[in-house]
Amino acid sequence: MTFRKAATQSGSASAELRPGDAALGKKAVKVCAACHTFDQGGANKVGPNLFGVVGAKIAHAEGFKYSDAVAGHGGKWDAGNLDKWLTNPKDFIPGNKMSYAGVKSEQQRRDIIAYLETLR
C-alpha cells in the first residue's frame, strides 16, 4: 500500500498516514469477532475463520459456504484486496453476503491488515 495524505473534512491534506499497527488492529477486530474467529484452527462462524487470510486465495476457508459471488471472484487476499474489502465489501464483490458496511478510516484498515498479517 502506498502512503498518501489523509484528507480532512475540509478536503485539505493532513499528515501522512502511518504504517499499520498490529496491536491497534487486534483491538479494532473485536467488532469482527461477532462473526469471525482469528485463531489457528478456529471454527467458521457466520463468517469464515481469518487465521492465515493474508496471502490466501479468496474463498479459502475449508468448510465455509461462501456466496457464489465470493466463491467465483478469484484472486488472493493481499493487502490491496483486503483494503478494498474492508472499505466496502459490497462494492468490492457485489452480491456477497457480508452485512458489514465497511471501515471508513484508512488508518484503521491499515491497522487491521497489519494484525491479520501476524496471523500465520
PDB file of N, CA and C in Angstrom:
ATOM      1  N   MET A   1       0.852  -1.177   0.000  1.00  0.00           N
ATOM      2  CA  MET A   1       0.000   0.000   0.000  1.00  0.00           C
ATOM      3  C   MET A   1       0.890   1.231   0.000  1.00  0.00           C
ATOM      4  N   THR A   2       0.471   2.208  -0.708  1.00  0.00           N
ATOM      5  CA  THR A   2       1.253   3.427  -0.766  1.00  0.00           C
ATOM      6  C   THR A   2       0.768   4.412   0.274  1.00  0.00           C
ATOM      7  N   PHE A   3       1.689   5.258   0.711  1.00  0.00           N
ATOM      8  CA  PHE A   3       1.318   6.315   1.638  1.00  0.00           C
ATOM      9  C   PHE A   3       0.670   7.436   0.871  1.00  0.00           C
ATOM     10  N   ARG A   4      -0.295   8.041   1.462  1.00  0.00           N
ATOM     11  CA  ARG A   4      -0.867   9.251   0.906  1.00  0.00           C
ATOM     12  C   ARG A   4      -1.337  10.114   2.043  1.00  0.00           C
ATOM     13  N   LYS A   5      -1.567  11.332   1.744  1.00  0.00           N
ATOM     14  CA  LYS A   5      -2.046  12.247   2.771  1.00  0.00           C
ATOM     15  C   LYS A   5      -3.508  11.959   3.045  1.00  0.00           C
ATOM     16  N   ALA A   6      -3.898  11.986   4.294  1.00  0.00           N
ATOM     17  CA  ALA A   6      -5.291  11.786   4.669  1.00  0.00           C
ATOM     18  C   ALA A   6      -6.029  13.103   4.512  1.00  0.00           C
ATOM     19  N   ALA A   7      -7.183  13.053   3.907  1.00  0.00           N
ATOM     20  CA  ALA A   7      -7.967  14.275   3.716  1.00  0.00           C
ATOM     21  C   ALA A   7      -8.720  14.613   4.984  1.00  0.00           C
ATOM     22  N   THR A   8      -8.748  15.875   5.307  1.00  0.00           N
ATOM     23  CA  THR A   8      -9.553  16.325   6.425  1.00  0.00           C
ATOM     24  C   THR A   8     -10.954  16.595   5.908  1.00  0.00           C
ATOM     25  N   GLN A   9     -11.889  16.914   6.791  1.00  0.00           N
ATOM     26  CA  GLN A   9     -13.248  17.177   6.364  1.00  0.00           C
ATOM     27  C   GLN A   9     -13.318  18.353   5.410  1.00  0.00           C
ATOM     28  N   SER A  10     -12.425  19.297   5.523  1.00  0.00           N
ATOM     29  CA  SER A  10     -12.434  20.444   4.625  1.00  0.00           C
ATOM     30  C   SER A  10     -11.816  20.101   3.273  1.00  0.00           C
ATOM     31  N   GLY A  11     -11.254  18.892   3.160  1.00  0.00           N
ATOM     32  CA  GLY A  11     -10.681  18.455   1.901  1.00  0.00           C
ATOM     33  C   GLY A  11      -9.189  18.710   1.783  1.00  0.00           C
ATOM     34  N   SER A  12      -8.594  19.444   2.702  1.00  0.00           N
ATOM     35  CA  SER A  12      -7.160  19.678   2.641  1.00  0.00           C
ATOM     36  C   SER A  12      -6.424  18.472   3.207  1.00  0.00           C
ATOM     37  N   ALA A  13      -5.173  18.335   2.843  1.00  0.00           N
ATOM     38  CA  ALA A  13      -4.396  17.184   3.290  1.00  0.00           C
ATOM     39  C   ALA A  13      -3.857  17.402   4.693  1.00  0.00           C
ATOM     40  N   SER A  14      -3.804  16.342   5.458  1.00  0.00           N
ATOM     41  CA  SER A  14      -3.209  16.389   6.791  1.00  0.00           C
ATOM     42  C   SER A  14      -1.928  15.564   6.755  1.00  0.00           C
ATOM     43  N   ALA A  15      -1.430  15.166   7.904  1.00  0.00           N
ATOM     44  CA  ALA A  15      -0.192  14.402   7.984  1.00  0.00           C
ATOM     45  C   ALA A  15      -0.337  13.070   7.248  1.00  0.00           C
ATOM     46  N   GLU A  16       0.789  12.536   6.788  1.00  0.00           N
ATOM     47  CA  GLU A  16       0.762  11.241   6.126  1.00  0.00           C
ATOM     48  C   GLU A  16       0.312  10.168   7.098  1.00  0.00           C
ATOM     49  N   LEU A  17      -0.339   9.178   6.542  1.00  0.00           N
ATOM     50  CA  LEU A  17      -0.767   8.050   7.360  1.00  0.00           C
ATOM     51  C   LEU A  17       0.448   7.250   7.790  1.00  0.00           C
ATOM     52  N   ARG A  18       0.381   6.695   8.980  1.00  0.00           N
ATOM     53  CA  ARG A  18       1.480   5.870   9.477  1.00  0.00           C
ATOM     54  C   ARG A  18       1.269   4.432   9.004  1.00  0.00           C
ATOM     55  N   PRO A  19       2.318   3.629   9.053  1.00  0.00           N
ATOM     56  CA  PRO A  19       2.142   2.203   8.745  1.00  0.00           C
ATOM     57  C   PRO A  19       1.147   1.582   9.721  1.00  0.00           C
ATOM     58  N   GLY A  20       0.562   0.468   9.326  1.00  0.00           N
ATOM     59  CA  GLY A  20      -0.384  -0.214  10.202  1.00  0.00           C
ATOM     60  C   GLY A  20       0.255  -0.669  11.495  1.00  0.00           C
ATOM     61  N   ASP A  21      -0.513  -0.647  12.559  1.00  0.00           N
ATOM     62  CA  ASP A  21      -0.087  -1.066  13.890  1.00  0.00           C
ATOM     63  C   ASP A  21      -0.902  -2.305  14.263  1.00  0.00           C
ATOM     64  N   ALA A  22      -0.240  -3.454  14.326  1.00  0.00           N
ATOM     65  CA  ALA A  22      -0.926  -4.712  14.585  1.00  0.00           C
ATOM     66  C   ALA A  22      -1.652  -4.715  15.932  1.00  0.00           C
ATOM     67  N   ALA A  23      -1.080  -4.078  16.943  1.00  0.00           N
ATOM     68  CA  ALA A  23      -1.732  -4.045  18.260  1.00  0.00           C
ATOM     69  C   ALA A  23      -3.049  -3.283  18.188  1.00  0.00           C
ATOM     70  N   LEU A  24      -3.055  -2.172  17.455  1.00  0.00           N
ATOM     71  CA  LEU A  24      -4.307  -1.423  17.284  1.00  0.00           C
ATOM     72  C   LEU A  24      -5.284  -2.205  16.420  1.00  0.00           C
ATOM     73  N   GLY A  25      -4.762  -2.920  15.431  1.00  0.00           N
ATOM     74  CA  GLY A  25      -5.616  -3.750  14.590  1.00  0.00           C
ATOM     75  C   GLY A  25      -6.280  -4.861  15.369  1.00  0.00           C
ATOM     76  N   LYS A  26      -5.550  -5.458  16.316  1.00  0.00           N
ATOM     77  CA  LYS A  26      -6.126  -6.520  17.147  1.00  0.00           C
ATOM     78  C   LYS A  26      -7.297  -5.982  17.950  1.00  0.00           C
ATOM     79  N   LYS A  27      -7.175  -4.753  18.434  1.00  0.00           N
ATOM     80  CA  LYS A  27      -8.287  -4.132  19.157  1.00  0.00           C
ATOM     81  C   LYS A  27      -9.445  -3.838  18.212  1.00  0.00           C
ATOM     82  N   ALA A  28      -9.131  -3.377  17.012  1.00  0.00           N
ATOM     83  CA  ALA A  28     -10.167  -2.988  16.050  1.00  0.00           C
ATOM     84  C   ALA A  28     -10.999  -4.179  15.588  1.00  0.00           C
ATOM     85  N   VAL A  29     -10.407  -5.370  15.527  1.00  0.00           N
ATOM     86  CA  VAL A  29     -11.160  -6.532  15.021  1.00  0.00           C
ATOM     87  C   VAL A  29     -12.089  -7.142  16.072  1.00  0.00           C
ATOM     88  N   LYS A  30     -12.111  -6.588  17.260  1.00  0.00           N
ATOM     89  CA  LYS A  30     -13.022  -7.131  18.274  1.00  0.00           C
ATOM     90  C   LYS A  30     -14.467  -7.080  17.788  1.00  0.00           C
ATOM     91  N   VAL A  31     -14.824  -6.055  17.032  1.00  0.00           N
ATOM     92  CA  VAL A  31     -16.172  -5.967  16.481  1.00  0.00           C
ATOM     93  C   VAL A  31     -16.403  -7.091  15.460  1.00  0.00           C
ATOM     94  N   CYS A  32     -15.353  -7.531  14.793  1.00  0.00           N
ATOM     95  CA  CYS A  32     -15.449  -8.593  13.790  1.00  0.00           C
ATOM     96  C   CYS A  32     -15.649  -9.965  14.434  1.00  0.00           C
ATOM     97  N   ALA A  33     -15.271 -10.092  15.715  1.00  0.00           N
ATOM     98  CA  ALA A  33     -15.334 -11.378  16.408  1.00  0.00           C
ATOM     99  C   ALA A  33     -16.763 -11.878  16.604  1.00  0.00           C
ATOM    100  N   ALA A  34     -17.745 -11.031  16.371  1.00  0.00           N
ATOM    101  CA  ALA A  34     -19.133 -11.499  16.424  1.00  0.00           C
ATOM    102  C   ALA A  34     -19.388 -12.508  15.313  1.00  0.00           C
ATOM    103  N   CYS A  35     -18.657 -12.389  14.206  1.00  0.00           N
ATOM    104  CA  CYS A  35     -18.896 -13.253  13.044  1.00  0.00           C
ATOM    105  C   CYS A  35     -17.682 -14.073  12.617  1.00  0.00           C
ATOM    106  N   HIS A  36     -16.476 -13.726  13.084  1.00  0.00           N
ATOM    107  CA  HIS A  36     -15.245 -14.383  12.647  1.00  0.00           C
ATOM    108  C   HIS A  36     -14.413 -14.815  13.841  1.00  0.00           C
ATOM    109  N   THR A  37     -13.632 -15.876  13.656  1.00  0.00           N
ATOM    110  CA  THR A  37     -12.606 -16.257  14.627  1.00  0.00           C
ATOM    111  C   THR A  37     -11.250 -15.956  13.999  1.00  0.00           C
ATOM    112  N   PHE A  38     -10.230 -15.847  14.838  1.00  0.00           N
ATOM    113  CA  PHE A  38      -8.908 -15.429  14.366  1.00  0.00           C
ATOM    114  C   PHE A  38      -7.801 -16.391  14.793  1.00  0.00           C
ATOM    115  N   ASP A  39      -8.146 -17.457  15.482  1.00  0.00           N
ATOM    116  CA  ASP A  39      -7.134 -18.377  15.986  1.00  0.00           C
ATOM    117  C   ASP A  39      -6.903 -19.524  15.007  1.00  0.00           C
ATOM    118  N   GLN A  40      -5.679 -20.064  15.023  1.00  0.00           N
ATOM    119  CA  GLN A  40      -5.342 -21.178  14.140  1.00  0.00           C
ATOM    120  C   GLN A  40      -6.278 -22.353  14.430  1.00  0.00           C
ATOM    121  N   GLY A  41      -6.902 -22.869  13.405  1.00  0.00           N
ATOM    122  CA  GLY A  41      -7.832 -23.978  13.568  1.00  0.00           C
ATOM    123  C   GLY A  41      -9.185 -23.564  14.109  1.00  0.00           C
ATOM    124  N   GLY A  42      -9.407 -22.253  14.234  1.00  0.00           N
ATOM    125  CA  GLY A  42     -10.666 -21.748  14.758  1.00  0.00           C
ATOM    126  C   GLY A  42     -11.841 -22.099  13.858  1.00  0.00           C
ATOM    127  N   ALA A  43     -12.986 -22.156  14.465  1.00  0.00           N
ATOM    128  CA  ALA A  43     -14.202 -22.514  13.742  1.00  0.00           C
ATOM    129  C   ALA A  43     -14.664 -21.381  12.839  1.00  0.00           C
ATOM    130  N   ASN A  44     -15.337 -21.755  11.793  1.00  0.00           N
ATOM    131  CA  ASN A  44     -16.066 -20.779  10.996  1.00  0.00           C
ATOM    132  C   ASN A  44     -17.330 -20.442  11.771  1.00  0.00           C
ATOM    133  N   LYS A  45     -17.736 -19.205  11.703  1.00  0.00           N
ATOM    134  CA  LYS A  45     -18.977 -18.774  12.340  1.00  0.00           C
ATOM    135  C   LYS A  45     -19.897 -18.287  11.222  1.00  0.00           C
ATOM    136  N   VAL A  46     -20.561 -17.176  11.396  1.00  0.00           N
ATOM    137  CA  VAL A  46     -21.339 -16.577  10.320  1.00  0.00           C
ATOM    138  C   VAL A  46     -20.394 -16.221   9.171  1.00  0.00           C
ATOM    139  N   GLY A  47     -19.160 -15.826   9.516  1.00  0.00           N
ATOM    140  CA  GLY A  47     -18.095 -15.576   8.554  1.00  0.00           C
ATOM    141  C   GLY A  47     -16.991 -16.596   8.762  1.00  0.00           C
ATOM    142  N   PRO A  48     -16.084 -16.704   7.803  1.00  0.00           N
ATOM    143  CA  PRO A  48     -15.004 -17.693   7.919  1.00  0.00           C
ATOM    144  C   PRO A  48     -13.951 -17.309   8.954  1.00  0.00           C
ATOM    145  N   ASN A  49     -13.239 -18.334   9.441  1.00  0.00           N
ATOM    146  CA  ASN A  49     -12.076 -18.094  10.281  1.00  0.00           C
ATOM    147  C   ASN A  49     -11.060 -17.309   9.458  1.00  0.00           C
ATOM    148  N   LEU A  50     -10.400 -16.322  10.072  1.00  0.00           N
ATOM    149  CA  LEU A  50      -9.495 -15.437   9.339  1.00  0.00           C
ATOM    150  C   LEU A  50      -8.016 -15.683   9.620  1.00  0.00           C
ATOM    151  N   PHE A  51      -7.699 -16.752  10.345  1.00  0.00           N
ATOM    152  CA  PHE A  51      -6.291 -17.069  10.561  1.00  0.00           C
ATOM    153  C   PHE A  51      -5.674 -17.442   9.216  1.00  0.00           C
ATOM    154  N   GLY A  52      -4.561 -16.823   8.878  1.00  0.00           N
ATOM    155  CA  GLY A  52      -3.874 -17.129   7.633  1.00  0.00           C
ATOM    156  C   GLY A  52      -4.524 -16.534   6.394  1.00  0.00           C
ATOM    157  N   VAL A  53      -5.416 -15.567   6.569  1.00  0.00           N
ATOM    158  CA  VAL A  53      -6.126 -14.990   5.428  1.00  0.00           C
ATOM    159  C   VAL A  53      -5.201 -14.220   4.493  1.00  0.00           C
ATOM    160  N   VAL A  54      -4.202 -13.525   5.030  1.00  0.00           N
ATOM    161  CA  VAL A  54      -3.313 -12.724   4.178  1.00  0.00           C
ATOM    162  C   VAL A  54      -2.499 -13.662   3.287  1.00  0.00           C
ATOM    163  N   GLY A  55      -2.633 -13.471   2.001  1.00  0.00           N
ATOM    164  CA  GLY A  55      -1.943 -14.300   1.022  1.00  0.00           C
ATOM    165  C   GLY A  55      -2.744 -15.503   0.562  1.00  0.00           C
ATOM    166  N   ALA A  56      -3.834 -15.813   1.263  1.00  0.00           N
ATOM    167  CA  ALA A  56      -4.681 -16.945   0.876  1.00  0.00           C
ATOM    168  C   ALA A  56      -5.564 -16.557  -0.304  1.00  0.00           C
ATOM    169  N   LYS A  57      -6.021 -17.558  -1.022  1.00  0.00           N
ATOM    170  CA  LYS A  57      -6.936 -17.253  -2.119  1.00  0.00           C
ATOM    171  C   LYS A  57      -8.274 -16.800  -1.538  1.00  0.00           C
ATOM    172  N   ILE A  58      -8.952 -15.963  -2.275  1.00  0.00           N
ATOM    173  CA  ILE A  58     -10.290 -15.531  -1.865  1.00  0.00           C
ATOM    174  C   ILE A  58     -11.176 -16.772  -1.846  1.00  0.00           C
ATOM    175  N   ALA A  59     -11.990 -16.918  -0.804  1.00  0.00           N
ATOM    176  CA  ALA A  59     -12.840 -18.099  -0.579  1.00  0.00           C
ATOM    177  C   ALA A  59     -11.977 -19.300  -0.172  1.00  0.00           C
ATOM    178  N   HIS A  60     -11.057 -19.070   0.742  1.00  0.00           N
ATOM    179  CA  HIS A  60     -10.051 -20.061   1.135  1.00  0.00           C
ATOM    180  C   HIS A  60     -10.460 -21.000   2.271  1.00  0.00           C
ATOM    181  N   ALA A  61     -11.381 -20.587   3.116  1.00  0.00           N
ATOM    182  CA  ALA A  61     -11.654 -21.347   4.345  1.00  0.00           C
ATOM    183  C   ALA A  61     -12.435 -22.626   4.046  1.00  0.00           C
ATOM    184  N   GLU A  62     -11.816 -23.754   4.353  1.00  0.00           N
ATOM    185  CA  GLU A  62     -12.470 -25.042   4.138  1.00  0.00           C
ATOM    186  C   GLU A  62     -13.703 -25.153   5.025  1.00  0.00           C
ATOM    187  N   GLY A  63     -14.764 -25.672   4.452  1.00  0.00           N
ATOM    188  CA  GLY A  63     -15.980 -25.899   5.215  1.00  0.00           C
ATOM    189  C   GLY A  63     -16.895 -24.693   5.334  1.00  0.00           C
ATOM    190  N   PHE A  64     -16.463 -23.535   4.833  1.00  0.00           N
ATOM    191  CA  PHE A  64     -17.315 -22.359   4.893  1.00  0.00           C
ATOM    192  C   PHE A  64     -18.073 -22.226   3.582  1.00  0.00           C
ATOM    193  N   LYS A  65     -19.388 -21.987   3.675  1.00  0.00           N
ATOM    194  CA  LYS A  65     -20.213 -21.838   2.476  1.00  0.00           C
ATOM    195  C   LYS A  65     -20.211 -20.374   2.046  1.00  0.00           C
ATOM    196  N   TYR A  66     -19.368 -20.067   1.088  1.00  0.00           N
ATOM    197  CA  TYR A  66     -19.281 -18.716   0.548  1.00  0.00           C
ATOM    198  C   TYR A  66     -20.434 -18.466  -0.420  1.00  0.00           C
ATOM    199  N   SER A  67     -20.794 -17.205  -0.566  1.00  0.00           N
ATOM    200  CA  SER A  67     -21.762 -16.840  -1.597  1.00  0.00           C
ATOM    201  C   SER A  67     -21.152 -17.152  -2.957  1.00  0.00           C
ATOM    202  N   ASP A  68     -21.996 -17.328  -3.954  1.00  0.00           N
ATOM    203  CA  ASP A  68     -21.496 -17.569  -5.305  1.00  0.00           C
ATOM    204  C   ASP A  68     -20.587 -16.431  -5.761  1.00  0.00           C
ATOM    205  N   ALA A  69     -20.921 -15.200  -5.357  1.00  0.00           N
ATOM    206  CA  ALA A  69     -20.126 -14.040  -5.767  1.00  0.00           C
ATOM    207  C   ALA A  69     -18.699 -14.140  -5.249  1.00  0.00           C
ATOM    208  N   VAL A  70     -18.538 -14.481  -3.971  1.00  0.00           N
ATOM    209  CA  VAL A  70     -17.196 -14.599  -3.395  1.00  0.00           C
ATOM    210  C   VAL A  70     -16.491 -15.831  -3.944  1.00  0.00           C
ATOM    211  N   ALA A  71     -17.183 -16.951  -4.002  1.00  0.00           N
ATOM    212  CA  ALA A  71     -16.573 -18.188  -4.479  1.00  0.00           C
ATOM    213  C   ALA A  71     -16.071 -18.053  -5.914  1.00  0.00           C
ATOM    214  N   GLY A  72     -16.751 -17.277  -6.720  1.00  0.00           N
ATOM    215  CA  GLY A  72     -16.362 -17.131  -8.107  1.00  0.00           C
ATOM    216  C   GLY A  72     -15.464 -15.942  -8.399  1.00  0.00           C
ATOM    217  N   HIS A  73     -15.091 -15.201  -7.378  1.00  0.00           N
ATOM    218  CA  HIS A  73     -14.324 -13.960  -7.600  1.00  0.00           C
ATOM    219  C   HIS A  73     -12.905 -14.218  -8.070  1.00  0.00           C
ATOM    220  N   GLY A  74     -12.207 -15.137  -7.454  1.00  0.00           N
ATOM    221  CA  GLY A  74     -10.801 -15.374  -7.783  1.00  0.00           C
ATOM    222  C   GLY A  74      -9.897 -14.357  -7.120  1.00  0.00           C
ATOM    223  N   GLY A  75      -8.609 -14.585  -7.227  1.00  0.00           N
ATOM    224  CA  GLY A  75      -7.627 -13.689  -6.648  1.00  0.00           C
ATOM    225  C   GLY A  75      -7.198 -14.131  -5.263  1.00  0.00           C
ATOM    226  N   LYS A  76      -6.374 -13.292  -4.663  1.00  0.00           N
ATOM    227  CA  LYS A  76      -5.842 -13.567  -3.326  1.00  0.00           C
ATOM    228  C   LYS A  76      -6.148 -12.409  -2.395  1.00  0.00           C
ATOM    229  N   TRP A  77      -6.119 -12.723  -1.108  1.00  0.00           N
ATOM    230  CA  TRP A  77      -6.292 -11.689  -0.086  1.00  0.00           C
ATOM    231  C   TRP A  77      -4.950 -11.037   0.196  1.00  0.00           C
ATOM    232  N   ASP A  78      -4.502 -10.181  -0.718  1.00  0.00           N
ATOM    233  CA  ASP A  78      -3.314  -9.379  -0.469  1.00  0.00           C
ATOM    234  C   ASP A  78      -3.760  -8.085   0.214  1.00  0.00           C
ATOM    235  N   ALA A  79      -2.806  -7.244   0.571  1.00  0.00           N
ATOM    236  CA  ALA A  79      -3.136  -6.014   1.299  1.00  0.00           C
ATOM    237  C   ALA A  79      -4.090  -5.131   0.498  1.00  0.00           C
ATOM    238  N   GLY A  80      -3.907  -5.040  -0.801  1.00  0.00           N
ATOM    239  CA  GLY A  80      -4.776  -4.211  -1.627  1.00  0.00           C
ATOM    240  C   GLY A  80      -6.207  -4.713  -1.655  1.00  0.00           C
ATOM    241  N   ASN A  81      -6.377  -6.027  -1.845  1.00  0.00           N
ATOM    242  CA  ASN A  81      -7.734  -6.588  -1.868  1.00  0.00           C
ATOM    243  C   ASN A  81      -8.382  -6.533  -0.490  1.00  0.00           C
ATOM    244  N   LEU A  82      -7.602  -6.763   0.553  1.00  0.00           N
ATOM    245  CA  LEU A  82      -8.159  -6.636   1.902  1.00  0.00           C
ATOM    246  C   LEU A  82      -8.612  -5.207   2.167  1.00  0.00           C
ATOM    247  N   ASP A  83      -7.831  -4.238   1.718  1.00  0.00           N
ATOM    248  CA  ASP A  83      -8.216  -2.845   1.903  1.00  0.00           C
ATOM    249  C   ASP A  83      -9.523  -2.540   1.172  1.00  0.00           C
ATOM    250  N   LYS A  84      -9.647  -3.003  -0.061  1.00  0.00           N
ATOM    251  CA  LYS A  84     -10.895  -2.792  -0.816  1.00  0.00           C
ATOM    252  C   LYS A  84     -12.075  -3.455  -0.121  1.00  0.00           C
ATOM    253  N   TRP A  85     -11.883  -4.681   0.360  1.00  0.00           N
ATOM    254  CA  TRP A  85     -12.945  -5.410   1.051  1.00  0.00           C
ATOM    255  C   TRP A  85     -13.343  -4.689   2.331  1.00  0.00           C
ATOM    256  N   LEU A  86     -12.350  -4.322   3.121  1.00  0.00           N
ATOM    257  CA  LEU A  86     -12.638  -3.649   4.386  1.00  0.00           C
ATOM    258  C   LEU A  86     -13.270  -2.276   4.173  1.00  0.00           C
ATOM    259  N   THR A  87     -12.948  -1.626   3.081  1.00  0.00           N
ATOM    260  CA  THR A  87     -13.549  -0.326   2.791  1.00  0.00           C
ATOM    261  C   THR A  87     -15.039  -0.470   2.526  1.00  0.00           C
ATOM    262  N   ASN A  88     -15.404  -1.418   1.674  1.00  0.00           N
ATOM    263  CA  ASN A  88     -16.809  -1.634   1.347  1.00  0.00           C
ATOM    264  C   ASN A  88     -16.957  -3.002   0.690  1.00  0.00           C
ATOM    265  N   PRO A  89     -17.318  -4.025   1.472  1.00  0.00           N
ATOM    266  CA  PRO A  89     -17.427  -5.376   0.919  1.00  0.00           C
ATOM    267  C   PRO A  89     -18.390  -5.474  -0.270  1.00  0.00           C
ATOM    268  N   LYS A  90     -19.479  -4.747  -0.235  1.00  0.00           N
ATOM    269  CA  LYS A  90     -20.476  -4.818  -1.315  1.00  0.00           C
ATOM    270  C   LYS A  90     -19.938  -4.220  -2.608  1.00  0.00           C
ATOM    271  N   ASP A  91     -19.102  -3.191  -2.526  1.00  0.00           N
ATOM    272  CA  ASP A  91     -18.506  -2.616  -3.730  1.00  0.00           C
ATOM    273  C   ASP A  91     -17.415  -3.520  -4.290  1.00  0.00           C
ATOM    274  N   PHE A  92     -16.619  -4.128  -3.414  1.00  0.00           N
ATOM    275  CA  PHE A  92     -15.508  -4.955  -3.877  1.00  0.00           C
ATOM    276  C   PHE A  92     -16.006  -6.231  -4.545  1.00  0.00           C
ATOM    277  N   ILE A  93     -16.949  -6.907  -3.912  1.00  0.00           N
ATOM    278  CA  ILE A  93     -17.524  -8.128  -4.500  1.00  0.00           C
ATOM    279  C   ILE A  93     -19.045  -8.015  -4.406  1.00  0.00           C
ATOM    280  N   PRO A  94     -19.659  -7.413  -5.413  1.00  0.00           N
ATOM    281  CA  PRO A  94     -21.122  -7.289  -5.414  1.00  0.00           C
ATOM    282  C   PRO A  94     -21.778  -8.666  -5.310  1.00  0.00           C
ATOM    283  N   GLY A  95     -22.822  -8.737  -4.500  1.00  0.00           N
ATOM    284  CA  GLY A  95     -23.549  -9.995  -4.326  1.00  0.00           C
ATOM    285  C   GLY A  95     -23.064 -10.846  -3.176  1.00  0.00           C
ATOM    286  N   ASN A  96     -22.051 -10.384  -2.430  1.00  0.00           N
ATOM    287  CA  ASN A  96     -21.599 -11.172  -1.277  1.00  0.00           C
ATOM    288  C   ASN A  96     -22.611 -11.038  -0.143  1.00  0.00           C
ATOM    289  N   LYS A  97     -22.516 -11.935   0.849  1.00  0.00           N
ATOM    290  CA  LYS A  97     -23.494 -11.973   1.934  1.00  0.00           C
ATOM    291  C   LYS A  97     -23.086 -11.206   3.181  1.00  0.00           C
ATOM    292  N   MET A  98     -21.906 -10.606   3.188  1.00  0.00           N
ATOM    293  CA  MET A  98     -21.455  -9.911   4.389  1.00  0.00           C
ATOM    294  C   MET A  98     -22.294  -8.654   4.601  1.00  0.00           C
ATOM    295  N   SER A  99     -22.840  -8.525   5.804  1.00  0.00           N
ATOM    296  CA  SER A  99     -23.736  -7.399   6.073  1.00  0.00           C
ATOM    297  C   SER A  99     -23.011  -6.176   6.633  1.00  0.00           C
ATOM    298  N   TYR A 100     -21.727  -6.284   6.925  1.00  0.00           N
ATOM    299  CA  TYR A 100     -20.960  -5.178   7.487  1.00  0.00           C
ATOM    300  C   TYR A 100     -20.717  -4.121   6.418  1.00  0.00           C
ATOM    301  N   ALA A 101     -20.937  -2.864   6.747  1.00  0.00           N
ATOM    302  CA  ALA A 101     -20.837  -1.777   5.767  1.00  0.00           C
ATOM    303  C   ALA A 101     -19.404  -1.415   5.405  1.00  0.00           C
ATOM    304  N   GLY A 102     -18.451  -1.675   6.275  1.00  0.00           N
ATOM    305  CA  GLY A 102     -17.060  -1.372   5.974  1.00  0.00           C
ATOM    306  C   GLY A 102     -16.416  -0.472   7.011  1.00  0.00           C
ATOM    307  N   VAL A 103     -15.109  -0.318   6.892  1.00  0.00           N
ATOM    308  CA  VAL A 103     -14.295   0.502   7.787  1.00  0.00           C
ATOM    309  C   VAL A 103     -13.923   1.764   7.020  1.00  0.00           C
ATOM    310  N   LYS A 104     -14.438   2.885   7.436  1.00  0.00           N
ATOM    311  CA  LYS A 104     -14.212   4.134   6.690  1.00  0.00           C
ATOM    312  C   LYS A 104     -12.820   4.711   6.899  1.00  0.00           C
ATOM    313  N   SER A 105     -12.220   4.474   8.042  1.00  0.00           N
ATOM    314  CA  SER A 105     -10.903   5.028   8.351  1.00  0.00           C
ATOM    315  C   SER A 105      -9.798   4.230   7.656  1.00  0.00           C
ATOM    316  N   GLU A 106      -9.066   4.896   6.760  1.00  0.00           N
ATOM    317  CA  GLU A 106      -7.952   4.229   6.094  1.00  0.00           C
ATOM    318  C   GLU A 106      -6.907   3.784   7.107  1.00  0.00           C
ATOM    319  N   GLN A 107      -6.667   4.587   8.132  1.00  0.00           N
ATOM    320  CA  GLN A 107      -5.677   4.207   9.137  1.00  0.00           C
ATOM    321  C   GLN A 107      -6.119   2.947   9.876  1.00  0.00           C
ATOM    322  N   GLN A 108      -7.384   2.867  10.218  1.00  0.00           N
ATOM    323  CA  GLN A 108      -7.862   1.682  10.921  1.00  0.00           C
ATOM    324  C   GLN A 108      -7.786   0.448  10.017  1.00  0.00           C
ATOM    325  N   ARG A 109      -8.048   0.602   8.731  1.00  0.00           N
ATOM    326  CA  ARG A 109      -7.897  -0.529   7.809  1.00  0.00           C
ATOM    327  C   ARG A 109      -6.447  -0.978   7.763  1.00  0.00           C
ATOM    328  N   ARG A 110      -5.511  -0.049   7.739  1.00  0.00           N
ATOM    329  CA  ARG A 110      -4.082  -0.401   7.757  1.00  0.00           C
ATOM    330  C   ARG A 110      -3.753  -1.193   9.021  1.00  0.00           C
ATOM    331  N   ASP A 111      -4.294  -0.765  10.155  1.00  0.00           N
ATOM    332  CA  ASP A 111      -4.041  -1.451  11.420  1.00  0.00           C
ATOM    333  C   ASP A 111      -4.612  -2.870  11.392  1.00  0.00           C
ATOM    334  N   ILE A 112      -5.809  -3.011  10.873  1.00  0.00           N
ATOM    335  CA  ILE A 112      -6.438  -4.337  10.795  1.00  0.00           C
ATOM    336  C   ILE A 112      -5.622  -5.255   9.892  1.00  0.00           C
ATOM    337  N   ILE A 113      -5.200  -4.766   8.749  1.00  0.00           N
ATOM    338  CA  ILE A 113      -4.398  -5.578   7.833  1.00  0.00           C
ATOM    339  C   ILE A 113      -3.065  -5.949   8.484  1.00  0.00           C
ATOM    340  N   ALA A 114      -2.454  -5.022   9.209  1.00  0.00           N
ATOM    341  CA  ALA A 114      -1.205  -5.332   9.918  1.00  0.00           C
ATOM    342  C   ALA A 114      -1.433  -6.455  10.927  1.00  0.00           C
ATOM    343  N   TYR A 115      -2.560  -6.432  11.625  1.00  0.00           N
ATOM    344  CA  TYR A 115      -2.867  -7.520  12.565  1.00  0.00           C
ATOM    345  C   TYR A 115      -3.083  -8.826  11.829  1.00  0.00           C
ATOM    346  N   LEU A 116      -3.866  -8.808  10.759  1.00  0.00           N
ATOM    347  CA  LEU A 116      -4.123 -10.024  10.008  1.00  0.00           C
ATOM    348  C   LEU A 116      -2.829 -10.632   9.467  1.00  0.00           C
ATOM    349  N   GLU A 117      -1.856  -9.786   9.132  1.00  0.00           N
ATOM    350  CA  GLU A 117      -0.565 -10.271   8.654  1.00  0.00           C
ATOM    351  C   GLU A 117       0.199 -11.047   9.719  1.00  0.00           C
ATOM    352  N   THR A 118      -0.111 -10.828  10.989  1.00  0.00           N
ATOM    353  CA  THR A 118       0.577 -11.555  12.069  1.00  0.00           C
ATOM    354  C   THR A 118      -0.007 -12.951  12.267  1.00  0.00           C
ATOM    355  N   LEU A 119      -1.161 -13.223  11.697  1.00  0.00           N
ATOM    356  CA  LEU A 119      -1.856 -14.499  11.923  1.00  0.00           C
ATOM    357  C   LEU A 119      -1.379 -15.546  10.916  1.00  0.00           C
ATOM    358  N   ARG A 120      -0.205 -16.097  11.213  1.00  0.00           N
ATOM    359  CA  ARG A 120       0.411 -17.099  10.305  1.00  0.00           C
ATOM    360  C   ARG A 120       0.763 -18.350  11.044  1.00  0.00           C
TER     361      ARG A 120
END
